[in-house]
Amino acid sequence: MMLERPTRRSLKICALLLPIYLLAMVANNRRLAWTELTMVVIFFFLITPLGRIKRFFVRAMVVSLLPLLVYGAAGWSSQGGRLFAPVRTFRSLFDAARKNSSRARRLIMVDSSTALESASRSLGARGSSKTLFLIFSQRICRVV
């Protein structure tokens, strides 16, 4: 409702809070925050009625689609340079091999499995260490 019929009060609140939120997102430097913001913008774009401004954005997206696809294809496999940094960031959202969090989770699970194996041997646990590792690793994946 705020976007379709903004009042002076709601515009003042947005003008006050938006810079704070954007600065926090930049300071936090998390891809998830930018992904969520993008999803919110897409959602509001889809639910608002077609008007003059929205029609302009649709035309601009249609015109820029081909250059953006060429840019994305050219930078998808690039390794360095600042020119394709946005493409690498976008790719890191979907490519598990490039995610640092995935690597860290694997290291935690390997260290945990080693600790569980030694604990099960020293405690004489009845279940196999693989079963204990499976239970433990599922809990880590939920927590992390």
Protein backbone atom coordinates (compact mmCIF):
# COMPACT_ATOMS: atom_id res chain seq x y z
CA MET A 1 0.00 0.00 0.00
CA MET A 2 2.89 2.32 0.79
CA LEU A 3 4.25 2.01 -2.73
CA GLU A 4 0.97 2.50 -4.55
CA ARG A 5 -0.38 5.43 -2.54
CA PRO A 6 2.47 6.95 -0.56
CA THR A 7 1.68 9.58 2.02
CA ARG A 8 4.05 12.24 3.29
CA ARG A 9 4.46 10.31 6.53
CA SER A 10 5.36 7.04 4.82
CA LEU A 11 7.79 8.82 2.47
CA LYS A 12 9.51 10.45 5.46
CA ILE A 13 9.83 7.10 7.19
CA CYS A 14 11.25 5.51 4.03
CA ALA A 15 13.66 8.41 3.51
CA LEU A 16 14.87 8.00 7.08
CA LEU A 17 15.18 4.20 7.18
CA LEU A 18 16.29 3.34 3.64
CA PRO A 19 19.81 4.81 3.95
CA ILE A 20 20.29 3.03 7.28
CA TYR A 21 19.23 -0.30 5.79
CA LEU A 22 21.43 0.15 2.71
CA LEU A 23 24.46 1.14 4.79
CA ALA A 24 23.92 -1.90 7.02
CA MET A 25 23.72 -4.14 3.95
CA VAL A 26 26.95 -2.68 2.56
CA ALA A 27 28.71 -2.97 5.93
CA ASN A 28 27.53 -6.55 6.44
CA ASN A 29 28.55 -7.53 2.90
CA ARG A 30 26.27 -10.58 2.64
CA ARG A 31 24.97 -11.87 -0.67
CA LEU A 32 21.80 -13.03 1.03
CA ALA A 33 20.77 -9.47 1.92
CA TRP A 34 21.14 -8.31 -1.69
CA THR A 35 19.34 -11.41 -2.94
CA GLU A 36 16.43 -10.74 -0.58
CA LEU A 37 16.27 -7.10 -1.66
CA THR A 38 16.20 -8.19 -5.30
CA MET A 39 13.39 -10.65 -4.60
CA VAL A 40 11.35 -7.94 -2.83
CA VAL A 41 11.81 -5.55 -5.76
CA ILE A 42 10.75 -8.27 -8.23
CA PHE A 43 7.73 -9.14 -6.08
CA PHE A 44 6.57 -5.52 -5.88
CA PHE A 45 7.19 -5.10 -9.59
CA LEU A 46 4.93 -8.08 -10.31
CA ILE A 47 2.07 -7.03 -8.04
CA THR A 48 1.87 -3.35 -8.99
CA PRO A 49 -0.38 -2.32 -11.87
CA LEU A 50 1.08 -1.40 -15.23
CA GLY A 51 1.63 2.35 -15.36
CA ARG A 52 3.85 4.82 -17.15
CA ILE A 53 6.89 4.18 -14.93
CA LYS A 54 6.51 0.42 -14.96
CA ARG A 55 6.09 0.43 -18.75
CA PHE A 56 9.37 2.39 -19.03
CA PHE A 57 11.18 -0.21 -16.87
CA VAL A 58 9.76 -3.10 -18.89
CA ARG A 59 10.98 -1.52 -22.13
CA ALA A 60 14.39 -0.80 -20.59
CA MET A 61 14.68 -4.43 -19.44
CA VAL A 62 13.79 -5.73 -22.90
CA VAL A 63 16.38 -3.46 -24.54
CA SER A 64 19.12 -4.35 -22.02
CA LEU A 65 18.44 -8.10 -21.96
CA LEU A 66 20.74 -9.07 -24.85
CA PRO A 67 23.74 -6.98 -23.69
CA LEU A 68 23.35 -8.33 -20.15
CA LEU A 69 23.25 -11.92 -21.42
CA VAL A 70 26.40 -11.36 -23.50
CA TYR A 71 28.14 -9.73 -20.51
CA GLY A 72 27.11 -12.61 -18.23
CA ALA A 73 28.26 -15.26 -20.71
CA ALA A 74 31.61 -13.52 -21.23
CA GLY A 75 32.26 -13.16 -17.50
CA TRP A 76 30.88 -16.49 -16.28
CA SER A 77 34.25 -18.28 -16.37
CA SER A 78 36.50 -15.27 -15.76
CA GLN A 79 38.96 -15.60 -12.92
CA GLY A 80 40.12 -12.06 -12.21
CA GLY A 81 39.63 -8.41 -12.86
CA ARG A 82 37.03 -5.98 -11.65
CA LEU A 83 35.10 -5.88 -14.91
CA PHE A 84 33.33 -9.20 -14.31
CA ALA A 85 33.13 -9.03 -10.49
CA PRO A 86 29.29 -8.73 -10.52
CA VAL A 87 29.04 -11.86 -12.68
CA ARG A 88 31.33 -13.79 -10.31
CA THR A 89 29.22 -12.68 -7.36
CA PHE A 90 26.04 -13.76 -9.13
CA ARG A 91 27.62 -17.10 -10.04
CA SER A 92 28.69 -17.69 -6.45
CA LEU A 93 25.01 -17.74 -5.45
CA PHE A 94 24.49 -20.93 -7.46
CA ASP A 95 27.90 -22.61 -7.74
CA ALA A 96 28.61 -24.67 -4.60
CA ALA A 97 32.27 -25.15 -5.57
CA ARG A 98 32.84 -21.39 -5.29
CA LYS A 99 31.05 -20.85 -2.00
CA ASN A 100 33.32 -20.34 0.99
CA SER A 101 30.53 -21.36 3.33
CA SER A 102 30.23 -24.73 1.58
CA ARG A 103 33.98 -25.30 1.94
CA ALA A 104 33.87 -24.34 5.61
CA ARG A 105 30.92 -26.65 6.21
CA ARG A 106 32.78 -29.55 4.59
CA LEU A 107 35.83 -28.88 6.77
CA ILE A 108 33.67 -28.79 9.89
CA MET A 109 32.05 -32.09 8.91
CA VAL A 110 35.42 -33.77 8.26
CA ASP A 111 36.78 -32.57 11.59
CA SER A 112 33.56 -33.65 13.30
CA SER A 113 33.65 -37.10 11.74
CA THR A 114 37.23 -37.59 12.94
CA ALA A 115 36.23 -36.52 16.44
CA LEU A 116 33.18 -38.78 16.39
CA GLU A 117 35.19 -41.78 15.25
CA SER A 118 37.71 -41.35 18.04
CA ALA A 119 34.93 -40.73 20.59
CA SER A 120 32.98 -43.81 19.49
CA ARG A 121 36.13 -45.97 19.71
CA SER A 122 37.08 -44.66 23.15
CA LEU A 123 33.52 -44.92 24.52
CA GLY A 124 32.81 -48.27 22.90
CA ALA A 125 29.68 -47.01 21.17
CA ARG A 126 27.43 -49.70 19.73
CA GLY A 127 26.43 -47.89 16.54
CA SER A 128 28.87 -47.40 13.74
CA SER A 129 30.74 -44.12 13.55
CA LYS A 130 29.18 -43.53 10.13
CA THR A 131 25.71 -43.51 11.69
CA LEU A 132 26.88 -41.09 14.38
CA PHE A 133 28.52 -38.90 11.71
CA LEU A 134 25.34 -38.86 9.65
CA ILE A 135 23.27 -37.72 12.61
CA PHE A 136 25.89 -35.16 13.62
CA SER A 137 26.40 -33.81 10.10
CA GLN A 138 22.65 -33.37 9.60
CA ARG A 139 22.55 -31.26 12.75
CA ILE A 140 25.49 -29.16 11.57
CA CYS A 141 23.81 -28.52 8.24
CA ARG A 142 20.73 -27.30 10.04
CA VAL A 143 22.71 -25.05 12.38
CA VAL A 144 25.12 -23.66 9.79
